[in-house]
């Protein structure tokens, strides 16, 4: 089975007219067997075209192979995955400053306090 768009009756890929996104061309399917035999080519095609490929097992869709969006920052990825949430308030003004006595060694003092807690 060759990589082909879903719904293509004769295995011929749907061509985009260039006037807009081709829905059929973006829904390509590949069998597990073909993925096993041509994984390098299939992954290279997904990366270069930016279009996902649906992997099927005995004709049933089981996995979708999609390119990683390079524009996505780590912050955007964490937001998308729900691991963090956007701030609800915009911070205004400078961060509060802390008065530290001259000659204080913050790291040494911190480590000493940490040892006292143990």
PDB file of N, CA and C in Angstrom:
ATOM      1  N   UNK A   1       0.853  -1.183   0.000  1.00  0.00           N
ATOM      2  CA  UNK A   1       0.000   0.000   0.000  1.00  0.00           C
ATOM      3  C   UNK A   1       0.888   1.232   0.000  1.00  0.00           C
ATOM      4  N   UNK A   2       0.693   2.124  -0.923  1.00  0.00           N
ATOM      5  CA  UNK A   2       1.486   3.340  -1.006  1.00  0.00           C
ATOM      6  C   UNK A   2       0.835   4.462  -0.234  1.00  0.00           C
ATOM      7  N   UNK A   3       1.647   5.471   0.134  1.00  0.00           N
ATOM      8  CA  UNK A   3       1.097   6.642   0.816  1.00  0.00           C
ATOM      9  C   UNK A   3       0.105   7.307  -0.116  1.00  0.00           C
ATOM     10  N   UNK A   4      -1.089   7.521   0.366  1.00  0.00           N
ATOM     11  CA  UNK A   4      -2.112   8.130  -0.469  1.00  0.00           C
ATOM     12  C   UNK A   4      -3.106   8.875   0.391  1.00  0.00           C
ATOM     13  N   UNK A   5      -3.787   9.845  -0.196  1.00  0.00           N
ATOM     14  CA  UNK A   5      -4.794  10.572   0.568  1.00  0.00           C
ATOM     15  C   UNK A   5      -5.980   9.678   0.877  1.00  0.00           C
ATOM     16  N   UNK A   6      -6.635   9.967   1.983  1.00  0.00           N
ATOM     17  CA  UNK A   6      -7.843   9.242   2.330  1.00  0.00           C
ATOM     18  C   UNK A   6      -8.889   9.519   1.260  1.00  0.00           C
ATOM     19  N   UNK A   7      -9.570   8.506   0.832  1.00  0.00           N
ATOM     20  CA  UNK A   7     -10.651   8.675  -0.127  1.00  0.00           C
ATOM     21  C   UNK A   7     -10.195   8.640  -1.573  1.00  0.00           C
ATOM     22  N   UNK A   8      -8.927   8.414  -1.826  1.00  0.00           N
ATOM     23  CA  UNK A   8      -8.458   8.333  -3.201  1.00  0.00           C
ATOM     24  C   UNK A   8      -8.744   6.921  -3.718  1.00  0.00           C
ATOM     25  N   UNK A   9      -9.668   6.758  -4.663  1.00  0.00           N
ATOM     26  CA  UNK A   9     -10.093   5.434  -5.066  1.00  0.00           C
ATOM     27  C   UNK A   9      -9.037   4.634  -5.817  1.00  0.00           C
ATOM     28  N   UNK A  10      -8.104   5.292  -6.493  1.00  0.00           N
ATOM     29  CA  UNK A  10      -7.153   4.573  -7.332  1.00  0.00           C
ATOM     30  C   UNK A  10      -5.719   4.744  -6.866  1.00  0.00           C
ATOM     31  N   UNK A  11      -5.520   5.280  -5.671  1.00  0.00           N
ATOM     32  CA  UNK A  11      -4.177   5.419  -5.150  1.00  0.00           C
ATOM     33  C   UNK A  11      -3.415   6.590  -5.719  1.00  0.00           C
ATOM     34  N   UNK A  12      -4.101   7.467  -6.458  1.00  0.00           N
ATOM     35  CA  UNK A  12      -3.412   8.627  -7.009  1.00  0.00           C
ATOM     36  C   UNK A  12      -3.533   9.777  -6.038  1.00  0.00           C
ATOM     37  N   UNK A  13      -2.442  10.447  -5.747  1.00  0.00           N
ATOM     38  CA  UNK A  13      -2.509  11.536  -4.779  1.00  0.00           C
ATOM     39  C   UNK A  13      -3.304  12.713  -5.297  1.00  0.00           C
ATOM     40  N   UNK A  14      -4.038  13.335  -4.406  1.00  0.00           N
ATOM     41  CA  UNK A  14      -4.794  14.534  -4.764  1.00  0.00           C
ATOM     42  C   UNK A  14      -3.830  15.693  -4.926  1.00  0.00           C
ATOM     43  N   UNK A  15      -4.015  16.487  -5.942  1.00  0.00           N
ATOM     44  CA  UNK A  15      -3.153  17.626  -6.204  1.00  0.00           C
ATOM     45  C   UNK A  15      -3.819  18.894  -5.722  1.00  0.00           C
ATOM     46  N   UNK A  16      -3.041  19.768  -5.130  1.00  0.00           N
ATOM     47  CA  UNK A  16      -3.551  21.047  -4.668  1.00  0.00           C
ATOM     48  C   UNK A  16      -3.519  22.026  -5.824  1.00  0.00           C
ATOM     49  N   UNK A  17      -4.565  22.835  -5.952  1.00  0.00           N
ATOM     50  CA  UNK A  17      -4.608  23.811  -7.030  1.00  0.00           C
ATOM     51  C   UNK A  17      -3.786  25.035  -6.709  1.00  0.00           C
ATOM     52  N   UNK A  18      -3.328  25.160  -5.458  1.00  0.00           N
ATOM     53  CA  UNK A  18      -2.539  26.313  -5.064  1.00  0.00           C
ATOM     54  C   UNK A  18      -3.395  27.465  -4.601  1.00  0.00           C
ATOM     55  N   UNK A  19      -4.727  27.387  -4.779  1.00  0.00           N
ATOM     56  CA  UNK A  19      -5.599  28.486  -4.381  1.00  0.00           C
ATOM     57  C   UNK A  19      -6.023  28.391  -2.931  1.00  0.00           C
ATOM     58  N   UNK A  20      -5.688  27.309  -2.270  1.00  0.00           N
ATOM     59  CA  UNK A  20      -6.071  27.131  -0.875  1.00  0.00           C
ATOM     60  C   UNK A  20      -5.594  25.790  -0.389  1.00  0.00           C
ATOM     61  N   UNK A  21      -5.787  25.513   0.891  1.00  0.00           N
ATOM     62  CA  UNK A  21      -5.335  24.226   1.404  1.00  0.00           C
ATOM     63  C   UNK A  21      -6.166  23.082   0.853  1.00  0.00           C
ATOM     64  N   UNK A  22      -5.498  22.036   0.432  1.00  0.00           N
ATOM     65  CA  UNK A  22      -6.199  20.862  -0.089  1.00  0.00           C
ATOM     66  C   UNK A  22      -6.465  19.923   1.075  1.00  0.00           C
ATOM     67  N   UNK A  23      -7.720  19.739   1.407  1.00  0.00           N
ATOM     68  CA  UNK A  23      -8.086  18.917   2.555  1.00  0.00           C
ATOM     69  C   UNK A  23      -7.703  17.469   2.308  1.00  0.00           C
ATOM     70  N   UNK A  24      -7.984  16.951   1.129  1.00  0.00           N
ATOM     71  CA  UNK A  24      -7.691  15.549   0.843  1.00  0.00           C
ATOM     72  C   UNK A  24      -6.189  15.293   0.860  1.00  0.00           C
ATOM     73  N   UNK A  25      -5.380  16.243   0.392  1.00  0.00           N
ATOM     74  CA  UNK A  25      -3.940  16.039   0.329  1.00  0.00           C
ATOM     75  C   UNK A  25      -3.321  16.010   1.717  1.00  0.00           C
ATOM     76  N   UNK A  26      -3.963  16.644   2.701  1.00  0.00           N
ATOM     77  CA  UNK A  26      -3.381  16.669   4.040  1.00  0.00           C
ATOM     78  C   UNK A  26      -3.755  15.440   4.848  1.00  0.00           C
ATOM     79  N   UNK A  27      -4.693  14.623   4.372  1.00  0.00           N
ATOM     80  CA  UNK A  27      -5.120  13.435   5.095  1.00  0.00           C
ATOM     81  C   UNK A  27      -4.532  12.183   4.451  1.00  0.00           C
ATOM     82  N   UNK A  28      -3.221  12.103   4.389  1.00  0.00           N
ATOM     83  CA  UNK A  28      -2.565  10.950   3.778  1.00  0.00           C
ATOM     84  C   UNK A  28      -2.527   9.792   4.769  1.00  0.00           C
ATOM     85  N   UNK A  29      -2.586   8.576   4.254  1.00  0.00           N
ATOM     86  CA  UNK A  29      -2.509   7.398   5.113  1.00  0.00           C
ATOM     87  C   UNK A  29      -1.383   6.497   4.641  1.00  0.00           C
ATOM     88  N   UNK A  30      -0.791   5.790   5.585  1.00  0.00           N
ATOM     89  CA  UNK A  30       0.277   4.838   5.314  1.00  0.00           C
ATOM     90  C   UNK A  30       0.043   3.643   6.221  1.00  0.00           C
ATOM     91  N   UNK A  31       0.217   2.450   5.695  1.00  0.00           N
ATOM     92  CA  UNK A  31       0.043   1.255   6.523  1.00  0.00           C
ATOM     93  C   UNK A  31       1.260   1.066   7.418  1.00  0.00           C
ATOM     94  N   UNK A  32       1.071   0.317   8.502  1.00  0.00           N
ATOM     95  CA  UNK A  32       2.186   0.002   9.387  1.00  0.00           C
ATOM     96  C   UNK A  32       3.314  -0.694   8.632  1.00  0.00           C
ATOM     97  N   UNK A  33       2.952  -1.570   7.721  1.00  0.00           N
ATOM     98  CA  UNK A  33       3.966  -2.299   6.939  1.00  0.00           C
ATOM     99  C   UNK A  33       4.797  -1.326   6.114  1.00  0.00           C
ATOM    100  N   UNK A  34       4.130  -0.386   5.447  1.00  0.00           N
ATOM    101  CA  UNK A  34       4.874   0.580   4.640  1.00  0.00           C
ATOM    102  C   UNK A  34       5.714   1.493   5.520  1.00  0.00           C
ATOM    103  N   UNK A  35       5.193   1.885   6.659  1.00  0.00           N
ATOM    104  CA  UNK A  35       5.968   2.707   7.582  1.00  0.00           C
ATOM    105  C   UNK A  35       7.225   1.957   8.007  1.00  0.00           C
ATOM    106  N   UNK A  36       7.092   0.672   8.272  1.00  0.00           N
ATOM    107  CA  UNK A  36       8.238  -0.146   8.665  1.00  0.00           C
ATOM    108  C   UNK A  36       9.290  -0.189   7.547  1.00  0.00           C
ATOM    109  N   UNK A  37       8.850  -0.285   6.308  1.00  0.00           N
ATOM    110  CA  UNK A  37       9.765  -0.430   5.186  1.00  0.00           C
ATOM    111  C   UNK A  37      10.331   0.904   4.692  1.00  0.00           C
ATOM    112  N   UNK A  38       9.565   1.989   4.829  1.00  0.00           N
ATOM    113  CA  UNK A  38       9.974   3.279   4.259  1.00  0.00           C
ATOM    114  C   UNK A  38       9.935   4.405   5.280  1.00  0.00           C
ATOM    115  N   UNK A  39      10.231   4.124   6.531  1.00  0.00           N
ATOM    116  CA  UNK A  39      10.079   5.130   7.590  1.00  0.00           C
ATOM    117  C   UNK A  39      10.882   6.393   7.316  1.00  0.00           C
ATOM    118  N   UNK A  40      12.102   6.248   6.834  1.00  0.00           N
ATOM    119  CA  UNK A  40      12.934   7.428   6.559  1.00  0.00           C
ATOM    120  C   UNK A  40      12.304   8.342   5.532  1.00  0.00           C
ATOM    121  N   UNK A  41      11.812   7.774   4.457  1.00  0.00           N
ATOM    122  CA  UNK A  41      11.175   8.582   3.402  1.00  0.00           C
ATOM    123  C   UNK A  41       9.894   9.238   3.900  1.00  0.00           C
ATOM    124  N   UNK A  42       9.107   8.488   4.655  1.00  0.00           N
ATOM    125  CA  UNK A  42       7.825   9.008   5.140  1.00  0.00           C
ATOM    126  C   UNK A  42       8.059  10.156   6.111  1.00  0.00           C
ATOM    127  N   UNK A  43       8.999   9.978   7.040  1.00  0.00           N
ATOM    128  CA  UNK A  43       9.306  11.048   7.993  1.00  0.00           C
ATOM    129  C   UNK A  43       9.858  12.267   7.257  1.00  0.00           C
ATOM    130  N   UNK A  44      10.739  12.056   6.300  1.00  0.00           N
ATOM    131  CA  UNK A  44      11.292  13.176   5.529  1.00  0.00           C
ATOM    132  C   UNK A  44      10.188  13.922   4.795  1.00  0.00           C
ATOM    133  N   UNK A  45       9.207  13.197   4.264  1.00  0.00           N
ATOM    134  CA  UNK A  45       8.093  13.831   3.559  1.00  0.00           C
ATOM    135  C   UNK A  45       7.232  14.649   4.519  1.00  0.00           C
ATOM    136  N   UNK A  46       6.976  14.118   5.717  1.00  0.00           N
ATOM    137  CA  UNK A  46       6.188  14.853   6.712  1.00  0.00           C
ATOM    138  C   UNK A  46       6.912  16.137   7.103  1.00  0.00           C
ATOM    139  N   UNK A  47       8.225  16.037   7.317  1.00  0.00           N
ATOM    140  CA  UNK A  47       9.009  17.203   7.709  1.00  0.00           C
ATOM    141  C   UNK A  47       9.041  18.240   6.599  1.00  0.00           C
ATOM    142  N   UNK A  48       9.287  17.816   5.362  1.00  0.00           N
ATOM    143  CA  UNK A  48       9.414  18.776   4.259  1.00  0.00           C
ATOM    144  C   UNK A  48       8.075  19.383   3.844  1.00  0.00           C
ATOM    145  N   UNK A  49       7.003  18.583   3.873  1.00  0.00           N
ATOM    146  CA  UNK A  49       5.711  19.096   3.433  1.00  0.00           C
ATOM    147  C   UNK A  49       4.941  19.782   4.558  1.00  0.00           C
ATOM    148  N   UNK A  50       5.240  19.394   5.797  1.00  0.00           N
ATOM    149  CA  UNK A  50       4.506  19.949   6.932  1.00  0.00           C
ATOM    150  C   UNK A  50       3.125  19.347   7.113  1.00  0.00           C
ATOM    151  N   UNK A  51       2.811  18.307   6.329  1.00  0.00           N
ATOM    152  CA  UNK A  51       1.492  17.681   6.404  1.00  0.00           C
ATOM    153  C   UNK A  51       1.551  16.390   7.200  1.00  0.00           C
ATOM    154  N   UNK A  52       0.564  16.143   8.067  1.00  0.00           N
ATOM    155  CA  UNK A  52       0.565  14.902   8.856  1.00  0.00           C
ATOM    156  C   UNK A  52       0.239  13.682   8.005  1.00  0.00           C
ATOM    157  N   UNK A  53       0.615  12.515   8.500  1.00  0.00           N
ATOM    158  CA  UNK A  53       0.305  11.241   7.862  1.00  0.00           C
ATOM    159  C   UNK A  53      -0.378  10.366   8.918  1.00  0.00           C
ATOM    160  N   UNK A  54      -1.477   9.736   8.536  1.00  0.00           N
ATOM    161  CA  UNK A  54      -2.172   8.822   9.427  1.00  0.00           C
ATOM    162  C   UNK A  54      -1.649   7.414   9.173  1.00  0.00           C
ATOM    163  N   UNK A  55      -1.232   6.744  10.242  1.00  0.00           N
ATOM    164  CA  UNK A  55      -0.727   5.379  10.139  1.00  0.00           C
ATOM    165  C   UNK A  55      -1.886   4.425  10.443  1.00  0.00           C
ATOM    166  N   UNK A  56      -2.058   3.426   9.575  1.00  0.00           N
ATOM    167  CA  UNK A  56      -3.163   2.490   9.754  1.00  0.00           C
ATOM    168  C   UNK A  56      -2.644   1.080  10.052  1.00  0.00           C
ATOM    169  N   UNK A  57      -3.444   0.335  10.802  1.00  0.00           N
ATOM    170  CA  UNK A  57      -3.177  -1.075  11.065  1.00  0.00           C
ATOM    171  C   UNK A  57      -4.379  -1.853  10.559  1.00  0.00           C
ATOM    172  N   UNK A  58      -4.182  -2.588   9.484  1.00  0.00           N
ATOM    173  CA  UNK A  58      -5.258  -3.335   8.826  1.00  0.00           C
ATOM    174  C   UNK A  58      -6.418  -2.424   8.434  1.00  0.00           C
ATOM    175  N   UNK A  59      -6.058  -1.243   7.934  1.00  0.00           N
ATOM    176  CA  UNK A  59      -7.058  -0.302   7.448  1.00  0.00           C
ATOM    177  C   UNK A  59      -7.666   0.600   8.506  1.00  0.00           C
ATOM    178  N   UNK A  60      -7.341   0.363   9.785  1.00  0.00           N
ATOM    179  CA  UNK A  60      -7.890   1.163  10.879  1.00  0.00           C
ATOM    180  C   UNK A  60      -6.850   2.186  11.337  1.00  0.00           C
ATOM    181  N   UNK A  61      -7.179   3.484  11.340  1.00  0.00           N
ATOM    182  CA  UNK A  61      -6.223   4.497  11.782  1.00  0.00           C
ATOM    183  C   UNK A  61      -5.831   4.276  13.246  1.00  0.00           C
ATOM    184  N   UNK A  62      -4.512   4.292  13.520  1.00  0.00           N
ATOM    185  CA  UNK A  62      -4.047   4.067  14.886  1.00  0.00           C
ATOM    186  C   UNK A  62      -3.144   5.188  15.398  1.00  0.00           C
ATOM    187  N   UNK A  63      -2.418   5.877  14.512  1.00  0.00           N
ATOM    188  CA  UNK A  63      -1.467   6.908  14.925  1.00  0.00           C
ATOM    189  C   UNK A  63      -1.422   7.990  13.855  1.00  0.00           C
ATOM    190  N   UNK A  64      -1.187   9.230  14.296  1.00  0.00           N
ATOM    191  CA  UNK A  64      -0.971  10.322  13.340  1.00  0.00           C
ATOM    192  C   UNK A  64       0.443  10.850  13.540  1.00  0.00           C
ATOM    193  N   UNK A  65       1.219  10.869  12.462  1.00  0.00           N
ATOM    194  CA  UNK A  65       2.585  11.377  12.474  1.00  0.00           C
ATOM    195  C   UNK A  65       2.541  12.816  11.993  1.00  0.00           C
ATOM    196  N   UNK A  66       2.962  13.747  12.889  1.00  0.00           N
ATOM    197  CA  UNK A  66       2.855  15.170  12.577  1.00  0.00           C
ATOM    198  C   UNK A  66       4.200  15.851  12.764  1.00  0.00           C
ATOM    199  N   UNK A  67       4.488  16.886  11.966  1.00  0.00           N
ATOM    200  CA  UNK A  67       5.734  17.623  12.171  1.00  0.00           C
ATOM    201  C   UNK A  67       5.651  18.488  13.423  1.00  0.00           C
ATOM    202  N   UNK A  68       6.804  18.743  14.041  1.00  0.00           N
ATOM    203  CA  UNK A  68       6.866  19.637  15.192  1.00  0.00           C
ATOM    204  C   UNK A  68       6.895  21.052  14.664  1.00  0.00           C
ATOM    205  N   UNK A  69       6.102  21.922  15.266  1.00  0.00           N
ATOM    206  CA  UNK A  69       6.058  23.311  14.854  1.00  0.00           C
ATOM    207  C   UNK A  69       7.312  24.030  15.343  1.00  0.00           C
ATOM    208  N   UNK A  70       8.190  24.478  14.449  1.00  0.00           N
ATOM    209  CA  UNK A  70       9.430  25.114  14.894  1.00  0.00           C
ATOM    210  C   UNK A  70       9.211  26.481  15.528  1.00  0.00           C
ATOM    211  N   UNK A  71       8.105  27.133  15.251  1.00  0.00           N
ATOM    212  CA  UNK A  71       7.840  28.461  15.797  1.00  0.00           C
ATOM    213  C   UNK A  71       7.415  28.393  17.259  1.00  0.00           C
ATOM    214  N   UNK A  72       7.052  27.213  17.736  1.00  0.00           N
ATOM    215  CA  UNK A  72       6.542  27.075  19.087  1.00  0.00           C
ATOM    216  C   UNK A  72       7.690  27.188  20.094  1.00  0.00           C
ATOM    217  N   UNK A  73       7.561  28.132  20.994  1.00  0.00           N
ATOM    218  CA  UNK A  73       8.568  28.304  22.037  1.00  0.00           C
ATOM    219  C   UNK A  73       8.298  27.313  23.164  1.00  0.00           C
ATOM    220  N   UNK A  74       9.286  27.068  24.013  1.00  0.00           N
ATOM    221  CA  UNK A  74       9.025  26.181  25.154  1.00  0.00           C
ATOM    222  C   UNK A  74       7.850  26.675  26.007  1.00  0.00           C
ATOM    223  N   UNK A  75       7.732  27.998  26.176  1.00  0.00           N
ATOM    224  CA  UNK A  75       6.622  28.565  26.938  1.00  0.00           C
ATOM    225  C   UNK A  75       5.287  28.214  26.284  1.00  0.00           C
ATOM    226  N   UNK A  76       5.197  28.365  24.945  1.00  0.00           N
ATOM    227  CA  UNK A  76       3.958  28.046  24.230  1.00  0.00           C
ATOM    228  C   UNK A  76       3.623  26.554  24.330  1.00  0.00           C
ATOM    229  N   UNK A  77       4.657  25.702  24.279  1.00  0.00           N
ATOM    230  CA  UNK A  77       4.424  24.264  24.405  1.00  0.00           C
ATOM    231  C   UNK A  77       3.861  23.926  25.785  1.00  0.00           C
ATOM    232  N   UNK A  78       4.440  24.522  26.829  1.00  0.00           N
ATOM    233  CA  UNK A  78       3.938  24.267  28.184  1.00  0.00           C
ATOM    234  C   UNK A  78       2.503  24.750  28.343  1.00  0.00           C
ATOM    235  N   UNK A  79       2.174  25.890  27.736  1.00  0.00           N
ATOM    236  CA  UNK A  79       0.792  26.381  27.766  1.00  0.00           C
ATOM    237  C   UNK A  79      -0.139  25.408  27.065  1.00  0.00           C
ATOM    238  N   UNK A  80       0.268  24.965  25.851  1.00  0.00           N
ATOM    239  CA  UNK A  80      -0.559  24.050  25.065  1.00  0.00           C
ATOM    240  C   UNK A  80      -0.787  22.743  25.797  1.00  0.00           C
ATOM    241  N   UNK A  81       0.239  22.238  26.475  1.00  0.00           N
ATOM    242  CA  UNK A  81       0.118  20.972  27.190  1.00  0.00           C
ATOM    243  C   UNK A  81      -0.602  21.124  28.526  1.00  0.00           C
ATOM    244  N   UNK A  82      -0.908  22.356  28.913  1.00  0.00           N
ATOM    245  CA  UNK A  82      -1.632  22.592  30.150  1.00  0.00           C
ATOM    246  C   UNK A  82      -0.781  22.473  31.402  1.00  0.00           C
ATOM    247  N   UNK A  83       0.540  22.493  31.228  1.00  0.00           N
ATOM    248  CA  UNK A  83       1.429  22.377  32.384  1.00  0.00           C
ATOM    249  C   UNK A  83       1.604  23.703  33.112  1.00  0.00           C
ATOM    250  N   UNK A  84       1.349  24.807  32.425  1.00  0.00           N
ATOM    251  CA  UNK A  84       1.369  26.126  33.043  1.00  0.00           C
ATOM    252  C   UNK A  84       0.168  26.909  32.535  1.00  0.00           C
ATOM    253  N   UNK A  85      -0.145  28.001  33.205  1.00  0.00           N
ATOM    254  CA  UNK A  85      -1.248  28.866  32.802  1.00  0.00           C
ATOM    255  C   UNK A  85      -0.726  30.289  32.649  1.00  0.00           C
ATOM    256  N   UNK A  86      -1.370  31.045  31.765  1.00  0.00           N
ATOM    257  CA  UNK A  86      -0.968  32.440  31.591  1.00  0.00           C
ATOM    258  C   UNK A  86      -1.265  33.227  32.851  1.00  0.00           C
ATOM    259  N   UNK A  87      -0.450  34.251  33.070  1.00  0.00           N
ATOM    260  CA  UNK A  87      -0.662  35.110  34.233  1.00  0.00           C
ATOM    261  C   UNK A  87      -1.999  35.823  34.092  1.00  0.00           C
ATOM    262  N   UNK A  88      -2.688  35.981  35.209  1.00  0.00           N
ATOM    263  CA  UNK A  88      -3.989  36.647  35.166  1.00  0.00           C
ATOM    264  C   UNK A  88      -3.862  38.156  35.336  1.00  0.00           C
ATOM    265  N   UNK A  89      -2.739  38.619  35.886  1.00  0.00           N
ATOM    266  CA  UNK A  89      -2.520  40.050  36.085  1.00  0.00           C
ATOM    267  C   UNK A  89      -1.219  40.455  35.415  1.00  0.00           C
ATOM    268  N   UNK A  90      -1.223  41.629  34.854  1.00  0.00           N
ATOM    269  CA  UNK A  90       0.013  42.139  34.269  1.00  0.00           C
ATOM    270  C   UNK A  90       0.796  42.849  35.366  1.00  0.00           C
ATOM    271  N   UNK A  91       2.036  42.497  35.507  1.00  0.00           N
ATOM    272  CA  UNK A  91       2.867  43.108  36.538  1.00  0.00           C
ATOM    273  C   UNK A  91       3.252  44.510  36.094  1.00  0.00           C
ATOM    274  N   UNK A  92       3.088  45.452  36.988  1.00  0.00           N
ATOM    275  CA  UNK A  92       3.482  46.821  36.692  1.00  0.00           C
ATOM    276  C   UNK A  92       4.521  47.268  37.707  1.00  0.00           C
ATOM    277  N   UNK A  93       5.418  48.068  37.275  1.00  0.00           N
ATOM    278  CA  UNK A  93       6.444  48.588  38.174  1.00  0.00           C
ATOM    279  C   UNK A  93       7.610  47.639  38.327  1.00  0.00           C
ATOM    280  N   UNK A  94       8.629  48.098  39.014  1.00  0.00           N
ATOM    281  CA  UNK A  94       9.830  47.277  39.176  1.00  0.00           C
ATOM    282  C   UNK A  94       9.620  46.176  40.214  1.00  0.00           C
ATOM    283  N   UNK A  95      10.470  45.179  40.166  1.00  0.00           N
ATOM    284  CA  UNK A  95      10.437  44.129  41.172  1.00  0.00           C
ATOM    285  C   UNK A  95      10.888  44.715  42.499  1.00  0.00           C
ATOM    286  N   UNK A  96      10.349  44.222  43.606  1.00  0.00           N
ATOM    287  CA  UNK A  96      10.775  44.760  44.905  1.00  0.00           C
ATOM    288  C   UNK A  96      12.250  44.453  45.144  1.00  0.00           C
ATOM    289  N   UNK A  97      12.937  45.403  45.757  1.00  0.00           N
ATOM    290  CA  UNK A  97      14.356  45.195  46.039  1.00  0.00           C
ATOM    291  C   UNK A  97      14.527  44.782  47.492  1.00  0.00           C
ATOM    292  N   UNK A  98      15.592  44.089  47.744  1.00  0.00           N
ATOM    293  CA  UNK A  98      15.906  43.625  49.085  1.00  0.00           C
ATOM    294  C   UNK A  98      17.202  44.309  49.508  1.00  0.00           C
ATOM    295  N   UNK A  99      17.191  44.907  50.686  1.00  0.00           N
ATOM    296  CA  UNK A  99      18.402  45.535  51.195  1.00  0.00           C
ATOM    297  C   UNK A  99      19.294  44.471  51.803  1.00  0.00           C
ATOM    298  N   UNK A 100      20.488  44.339  51.251  1.00  0.00           N
ATOM    299  CA  UNK A 100      21.455  43.360  51.728  1.00  0.00           C
ATOM    300  C   UNK A 100      22.614  44.126  52.347  1.00  0.00           C
ATOM    301  N   UNK A 101      22.980  43.791  53.582  1.00  0.00           N
ATOM    302  CA  UNK A 101      24.101  44.494  54.218  1.00  0.00           C
ATOM    303  C   UNK A 101      25.392  44.307  53.432  1.00  0.00           C
ATOM    304  N   UNK A 102      26.244  45.310  53.469  1.00  0.00           N
ATOM    305  CA  UNK A 102      27.536  45.221  52.790  1.00  0.00           C
ATOM    306  C   UNK A 102      28.339  44.062  53.353  1.00  0.00           C
ATOM    307  N   UNK A 103      28.990  43.335  52.471  1.00  0.00           N
ATOM    308  CA  UNK A 103      29.842  42.230  52.887  1.00  0.00           C
ATOM    309  C   UNK A 103      29.089  40.936  53.136  1.00  0.00           C
ATOM    310  N   UNK A 104      27.783  40.930  52.953  1.00  0.00           N
ATOM    311  CA  UNK A 104      27.008  39.709  53.183  1.00  0.00           C
ATOM    312  C   UNK A 104      27.281  38.715  52.058  1.00  0.00           C
ATOM    313  N   UNK A 105      27.392  37.488  52.422  1.00  0.00           N
ATOM    314  CA  UNK A 105      27.602  36.430  51.442  1.00  0.00           C
ATOM    315  C   UNK A 105      26.324  35.590  51.413  1.00  0.00           C
ATOM    316  N   UNK A 106      25.446  35.943  50.495  1.00  0.00           N
ATOM    317  CA  UNK A 106      24.115  35.334  50.473  1.00  0.00           C
ATOM    318  C   UNK A 106      24.165  33.824  50.329  1.00  0.00           C
ATOM    319  N   UNK A 107      24.987  33.346  49.419  1.00  0.00           N
ATOM    320  CA  UNK A 107      25.024  31.904  49.188  1.00  0.00           C
ATOM    321  C   UNK A 107      25.522  31.175  50.435  1.00  0.00           C
ATOM    322  N   UNK A 108      26.588  31.670  51.027  1.00  0.00           N
ATOM    323  CA  UNK A 108      27.137  31.033  52.228  1.00  0.00           C
ATOM    324  C   UNK A 108      26.116  31.081  53.367  1.00  0.00           C
ATOM    325  N   UNK A 109      25.441  32.225  53.535  1.00  0.00           N
ATOM    326  CA  UNK A 109      24.426  32.342  54.580  1.00  0.00           C
ATOM    327  C   UNK A 109      23.259  31.389  54.323  1.00  0.00           C
ATOM    328  N   UNK A 110      22.863  31.282  53.063  1.00  0.00           N
ATOM    329  CA  UNK A 110      21.768  30.376  52.696  1.00  0.00           C
ATOM    330  C   UNK A 110      22.139  28.932  53.007  1.00  0.00           C
ATOM    331  N   UNK A 111      23.342  28.524  52.623  1.00  0.00           N
ATOM    332  CA  UNK A 111      23.765  27.149  52.864  1.00  0.00           C
ATOM    333  C   UNK A 111      23.893  26.867  54.360  1.00  0.00           C
ATOM    334  N   UNK A 112      24.373  27.849  55.135  1.00  0.00           N
ATOM    335  CA  UNK A 112      24.497  27.658  56.577  1.00  0.00           C
ATOM    336  C   UNK A 112      23.120  27.488  57.203  1.00  0.00           C
ATOM    337  N   UNK A 113      22.167  28.297  56.757  1.00  0.00           N
ATOM    338  CA  UNK A 113      20.797  28.191  57.284  1.00  0.00           C
ATOM    339  C   UNK A 113      20.184  26.851  56.905  1.00  0.00           C
ATOM    340  N   UNK A 114      20.490  26.393  55.712  1.00  0.00           N
ATOM    341  CA  UNK A 114      19.973  25.103  55.246  1.00  0.00           C
ATOM    342  C   UNK A 114      20.514  23.958  56.102  1.00  0.00           C
ATOM    343  N   UNK A 115      21.799  24.048  56.449  1.00  0.00           N
ATOM    344  CA  UNK A 115      22.413  23.013  57.288  1.00  0.00           C
ATOM    345  C   UNK A 115      21.794  23.012  58.695  1.00  0.00           C
ATOM    346  N   UNK A 116      21.462  24.208  59.192  1.00  0.00           N
ATOM    347  CA  UNK A 116      20.846  24.300  60.527  1.00  0.00           C
ATOM    348  C   UNK A 116      19.494  23.617  60.563  1.00  0.00           C
ATOM    349  N   UNK A 117      18.775  23.649  59.442  1.00  0.00           N
ATOM    350  CA  UNK A 117      17.443  23.043  59.372  1.00  0.00           C
ATOM    351  C   UNK A 117      17.491  21.530  59.391  1.00  0.00           C
ATOM    352  N   UNK A 118      18.606  20.954  59.032  1.00  0.00           N
ATOM    353  CA  UNK A 118      18.718  19.486  58.977  1.00  0.00           C
ATOM    354  C   UNK A 118      18.904  18.945  60.303  1.00  0.00           C
TER     355      UNK A 118
END
